[in-house]
Amino acid sequence: MPGTDDASGDLPVTGSLVVPAAAQSWRFSRSSGPGGQGVNTADSRVELSVRPLDLPGLTDPQRARLASRLGSRLVDGVLTVAASEHRQQLRNRQAARERLAAVLRAALAPPAPARRRTKPTRGSQERRISAKKQRGQLKKQRRNWD
């Protein structure tokens, strides 16, 4: 496994899923924003593209979960993540890798268990009814003012 500061190589996503370096496609362009004279010459903006449905080591349920959760972000089956917040290309590459791993991790997360409906306790019901009765008594007292 490469070091954490490495901006190339395999990208570990979860314990069982690793995006191989061969599956990652990089594109560089000029970034907008401040940067002085070098902003017009340095290609510091980074786009990282991956075909998530073709990654090795995915089970069929994981593949289906990725397809459903990332469907709106996929263009011809390709997921693209851009990073341009740093002035150095290397830091933008690291940011893009972290962002891609986070997106894939969130899409692969199992769905939350369904909420079990619970019944209000007898004490909470009684407190609610007594509060309503007190409020009604207060309003009733206001009516009979002479």
C-alpha atoms as a PDB file:
ATOM      1  CA  MET A   1       0.000   0.000   0.000  1.00  0.00           C
ATOM      2  CA  PRO A   2       1.493   3.397  -0.931  1.00  0.00           C
ATOM      3  CA  GLY A   3       2.139   6.116   1.617  1.00  0.00           C
ATOM      4  CA  THR A   4      -0.607   8.556   2.520  1.00  0.00           C
ATOM      5  CA  ASP A   5       1.172  11.447   0.802  1.00  0.00           C
ATOM      6  CA  ASP A   6       1.443   9.534  -2.478  1.00  0.00           C
ATOM      7  CA  ALA A   7      -0.696  11.056  -5.238  1.00  0.00           C
ATOM      8  CA  SER A   8      -0.384   8.069  -7.547  1.00  0.00           C
ATOM      9  CA  GLY A   9      -0.701   4.339  -7.194  1.00  0.00           C
ATOM     10  CA  ASP A  10      -3.541   2.242  -5.889  1.00  0.00           C
ATOM     11  CA  LEU A  11      -6.254   4.028  -3.913  1.00  0.00           C
ATOM     12  CA  PRO A  12      -7.616   2.140  -0.884  1.00  0.00           C
ATOM     13  CA  VAL A  13     -11.330   2.859  -0.417  1.00  0.00           C
ATOM     14  CA  THR A  14     -12.485   0.244   2.088  1.00  0.00           C
ATOM     15  CA  GLY A  15     -10.858  -2.809   3.598  1.00  0.00           C
ATOM     16  CA  SER A  16     -11.901  -4.931   0.634  1.00  0.00           C
ATOM     17  CA  LEU A  17     -11.956  -2.383  -2.197  1.00  0.00           C
ATOM     18  CA  VAL A  18      -8.889  -0.812  -3.783  1.00  0.00           C
ATOM     19  CA  VAL A  19      -9.008   1.317  -6.941  1.00  0.00           C
ATOM     20  CA  PRO A  20      -5.996   0.186  -8.986  1.00  0.00           C
ATOM     21  CA  ALA A  21      -3.722   2.844 -10.470  1.00  0.00           C
ATOM     22  CA  ALA A  22      -4.468   1.522 -13.966  1.00  0.00           C
ATOM     23  CA  ALA A  23      -8.189   2.281 -13.491  1.00  0.00           C
ATOM     24  CA  GLN A  24      -7.539   5.935 -12.589  1.00  0.00           C
ATOM     25  CA  SER A  25      -7.510   8.495 -15.373  1.00  0.00           C
ATOM     26  CA  TRP A  26      -6.002  11.940 -14.696  1.00  0.00           C
ATOM     27  CA  ARG A  27      -6.586  15.234 -16.496  1.00  0.00           C
ATOM     28  CA  PHE A  28      -4.911  18.543 -15.707  1.00  0.00           C
ATOM     29  CA  SER A  29      -5.932  22.080 -16.612  1.00  0.00           C
ATOM     30  CA  ARG A  30      -5.416  25.645 -15.499  1.00  0.00           C
ATOM     31  CA  SER A  31      -7.112  26.515 -12.278  1.00  0.00           C
ATOM     32  CA  SER A  32      -9.084  29.707 -11.734  1.00  0.00           C
ATOM     33  CA  GLY A  33      -8.520  32.024  -8.814  1.00  0.00           C
ATOM     34  CA  PRO A  34      -5.462  33.671  -7.275  1.00  0.00           C
ATOM     35  CA  GLY A  35      -1.956  32.498  -7.969  1.00  0.00           C
ATOM     36  CA  GLY A  36       0.119  35.381  -9.228  1.00  0.00           C
ATOM     37  CA  GLN A  37       2.061  35.095 -12.464  1.00  0.00           C
ATOM     38  CA  GLY A  38       2.131  31.316 -12.319  1.00  0.00           C
ATOM     39  CA  VAL A  39      -1.648  30.969 -12.529  1.00  0.00           C
ATOM     40  CA  ASN A  40      -1.544  31.297 -16.314  1.00  0.00           C
ATOM     41  CA  THR A  41       1.160  28.674 -16.810  1.00  0.00           C
ATOM     42  CA  ALA A  42       0.652  25.981 -14.165  1.00  0.00           C
ATOM     43  CA  ASP A  43      -1.875  23.228 -14.777  1.00  0.00           C
ATOM     44  CA  SER A  44      -2.825  22.838 -11.134  1.00  0.00           C
ATOM     45  CA  ARG A  45      -6.509  21.877 -11.520  1.00  0.00           C
ATOM     46  CA  VAL A  46      -6.974  18.117 -11.394  1.00  0.00           C
ATOM     47  CA  GLU A  47      -9.735  15.813 -12.615  1.00  0.00           C
ATOM     48  CA  LEU A  48      -9.684  12.179 -11.556  1.00  0.00           C
ATOM     49  CA  SER A  49     -11.931   9.782 -13.476  1.00  0.00           C
ATOM     50  CA  VAL A  50     -12.811   6.179 -12.661  1.00  0.00           C
ATOM     51  CA  ARG A  51     -15.279   3.619 -13.972  1.00  0.00           C
ATOM     52  CA  PRO A  52     -16.672   2.496 -10.588  1.00  0.00           C
ATOM     53  CA  LEU A  53     -18.863  -0.285 -11.960  1.00  0.00           C
ATOM     54  CA  ASP A  54     -15.834  -1.955 -13.578  1.00  0.00           C
ATOM     55  CA  LEU A  55     -13.676  -2.029 -10.425  1.00  0.00           C
ATOM     56  CA  PRO A  56     -12.353  -5.469  -9.468  1.00  0.00           C
ATOM     57  CA  GLY A  57     -13.397  -6.934  -6.138  1.00  0.00           C
ATOM     58  CA  LEU A  58     -16.962  -5.617  -6.097  1.00  0.00           C
ATOM     59  CA  THR A  59     -19.813  -7.963  -5.271  1.00  0.00           C
ATOM     60  CA  ASP A  60     -23.060  -7.805  -7.242  1.00  0.00           C
ATOM     61  CA  PRO A  61     -24.987  -6.054  -4.416  1.00  0.00           C
ATOM     62  CA  GLN A  62     -22.193  -3.474  -4.095  1.00  0.00           C
ATOM     63  CA  ARG A  63     -22.204  -2.921  -7.859  1.00  0.00           C
ATOM     64  CA  ALA A  64     -25.991  -2.404  -7.802  1.00  0.00           C
ATOM     65  CA  ARG A  65     -25.693  -0.010  -4.849  1.00  0.00           C
ATOM     66  CA  LEU A  66     -23.020   2.002  -6.683  1.00  0.00           C
ATOM     67  CA  ALA A  67     -25.148   2.136  -9.838  1.00  0.00           C
ATOM     68  CA  SER A  68     -28.215   3.383  -7.975  1.00  0.00           C
ATOM     69  CA  ARG A  69     -26.474   5.884  -5.702  1.00  0.00           C
ATOM     70  CA  LEU A  70     -24.015   7.294  -8.244  1.00  0.00           C
ATOM     71  CA  GLY A  71     -26.359   7.132 -11.240  1.00  0.00           C
ATOM     72  CA  SER A  72     -26.792  10.902 -11.461  1.00  0.00           C
ATOM     73  CA  ARG A  73     -23.027  11.515 -11.223  1.00  0.00           C
ATOM     74  CA  LEU A  74     -21.976   8.960 -13.831  1.00  0.00           C
ATOM     75  CA  VAL A  75     -21.428  10.109 -17.414  1.00  0.00           C
ATOM     76  CA  ASP A  76     -21.165   7.100 -19.727  1.00  0.00           C
ATOM     77  CA  GLY A  77     -20.268   5.003 -16.678  1.00  0.00           C
ATOM     78  CA  VAL A  78     -17.431   7.320 -15.619  1.00  0.00           C
ATOM     79  CA  LEU A  79     -17.269   9.112 -12.255  1.00  0.00           C
ATOM     80  CA  THR A  80     -15.191  12.306 -12.338  1.00  0.00           C
ATOM     81  CA  VAL A  81     -13.949  14.228  -9.310  1.00  0.00           C
ATOM     82  CA  ALA A  82     -12.258  17.632  -9.645  1.00  0.00           C
ATOM     83  CA  ALA A  83      -9.993  19.479  -7.218  1.00  0.00           C
ATOM     84  CA  SER A  84      -8.631  22.998  -7.628  1.00  0.00           C
ATOM     85  CA  GLU A  85      -8.550  24.426  -4.121  1.00  0.00           C
ATOM     86  CA  HIS A  86      -4.754  24.255  -3.748  1.00  0.00           C
ATOM     87  CA  ARG A  87      -2.089  26.048  -5.752  1.00  0.00           C
ATOM     88  CA  GLN A  88       0.102  22.956  -6.139  1.00  0.00           C
ATOM     89  CA  GLN A  89      -0.907  20.187  -8.503  1.00  0.00           C
ATOM     90  CA  LEU A  90       0.330  17.502  -6.089  1.00  0.00           C
ATOM     91  CA  ARG A  91      -1.935  18.718  -3.289  1.00  0.00           C
ATOM     92  CA  ASN A  92      -4.879  18.879  -5.697  1.00  0.00           C
ATOM     93  CA  ARG A  93      -4.106  15.293  -6.768  1.00  0.00           C
ATOM     94  CA  GLN A  94      -4.181  14.197  -3.133  1.00  0.00           C
ATOM     95  CA  ALA A  95      -7.436  16.100  -2.549  1.00  0.00           C
ATOM     96  CA  ALA A  96      -9.029  14.489  -5.622  1.00  0.00           C
ATOM     97  CA  ARG A  97      -7.986  11.014  -4.434  1.00  0.00           C
ATOM     98  CA  GLU A  98      -9.412  11.649  -0.953  1.00  0.00           C
ATOM     99  CA  ARG A  99     -12.636  13.014  -2.430  1.00  0.00           C
ATOM    100  CA  LEU A 100     -13.035  10.027  -4.765  1.00  0.00           C
ATOM    101  CA  ALA A 101     -12.465   7.601  -1.900  1.00  0.00           C
ATOM    102  CA  ALA A 102     -15.046   9.447   0.231  1.00  0.00           C
ATOM    103  CA  VAL A 103     -17.640   9.399  -2.581  1.00  0.00           C
ATOM    104  CA  LEU A 104     -17.128   5.677  -3.188  1.00  0.00           C
ATOM    105  CA  ARG A 105     -17.184   4.916   0.551  1.00  0.00           C
ATOM    106  CA  ALA A 106     -20.478   6.785   0.980  1.00  0.00           C
ATOM    107  CA  ALA A 107     -22.023   5.063  -2.039  1.00  0.00           C
ATOM    108  CA  LEU A 108     -20.937   1.617  -0.824  1.00  0.00           C
ATOM    109  CA  ALA A 109     -22.206   2.092   2.734  1.00  0.00           C
ATOM    110  CA  PRO A 110     -25.026  -0.304   3.548  1.00  0.00           C
ATOM    111  CA  PRO A 111     -28.456   1.269   3.938  1.00  0.00           C
ATOM    112  CA  ALA A 112     -29.493   2.291   7.420  1.00  0.00           C
ATOM    113  CA  PRO A 113     -31.842  -0.117   9.172  1.00  0.00           C
ATOM    114  CA  ALA A 114     -35.524   0.732   8.932  1.00  0.00           C
ATOM    115  CA  ARG A 115     -36.885   2.721  11.856  1.00  0.00           C
ATOM    116  CA  ARG A 116     -38.910   0.647  14.260  1.00  0.00           C
ATOM    117  CA  ARG A 117     -42.102   2.345  15.306  1.00  0.00           C
ATOM    118  CA  THR A 118     -42.433   2.695  19.057  1.00  0.00           C
ATOM    119  CA  LYS A 119     -45.440   3.330  21.223  1.00  0.00           C
ATOM    120  CA  PRO A 120     -45.517   6.334  23.576  1.00  0.00           C
ATOM    121  CA  THR A 121     -45.185   5.299  27.225  1.00  0.00           C
ATOM    122  CA  ARG A 122     -48.180   5.540  29.509  1.00  0.00           C
ATOM    123  CA  GLY A 123     -46.438   8.205  31.594  1.00  0.00           C
ATOM    124  CA  SER A 124     -45.755  10.420  28.570  1.00  0.00           C
ATOM    125  CA  GLN A 125     -49.367  10.075  27.422  1.00  0.00           C
ATOM    126  CA  GLU A 126     -50.652  11.006  30.876  1.00  0.00           C
ATOM    127  CA  ARG A 127     -48.313  14.027  31.097  1.00  0.00           C
ATOM    128  CA  ARG A 128     -49.474  15.192  27.672  1.00  0.00           C
ATOM    129  CA  ILE A 129     -53.169  14.894  28.602  1.00  0.00           C
ATOM    130  CA  SER A 130     -52.694  16.612  31.978  1.00  0.00           C
ATOM    131  CA  ALA A 131     -50.832  19.496  30.290  1.00  0.00           C
ATOM    132  CA  LYS A 132     -53.695  19.852  27.807  1.00  0.00           C
ATOM    133  CA  LYS A 133     -56.217  19.889  30.654  1.00  0.00           C
ATOM    134  CA  GLN A 134     -54.254  22.543  32.549  1.00  0.00           C
ATOM    135  CA  ARG A 135     -54.104  24.689  29.445  1.00  0.00           C
ATOM    136  CA  GLY A 136     -57.848  24.279  28.926  1.00  0.00           C
ATOM    137  CA  GLN A 137     -58.528  25.237  32.565  1.00  0.00           C
ATOM    138  CA  LEU A 138     -56.436  28.380  32.157  1.00  0.00           C
ATOM    139  CA  LYS A 139     -58.384  29.392  29.057  1.00  0.00           C
ATOM    140  CA  LYS A 140     -61.678  28.606  30.807  1.00  0.00           C
ATOM    141  CA  GLN A 141     -60.748  30.920  33.700  1.00  0.00           C
ATOM    142  CA  ARG A 142     -60.095  33.763  31.281  1.00  0.00           C
ATOM    143  CA  ARG A 143     -63.621  33.501  29.848  1.00  0.00           C
ATOM    144  CA  ASN A 144     -65.471  34.275  33.076  1.00  0.00           C
ATOM    145  CA  TRP A 145     -64.017  37.683  33.809  1.00  0.00           C
ATOM    146  CA  ASP A 146     -66.330  40.285  35.329  1.00  0.00           C
END
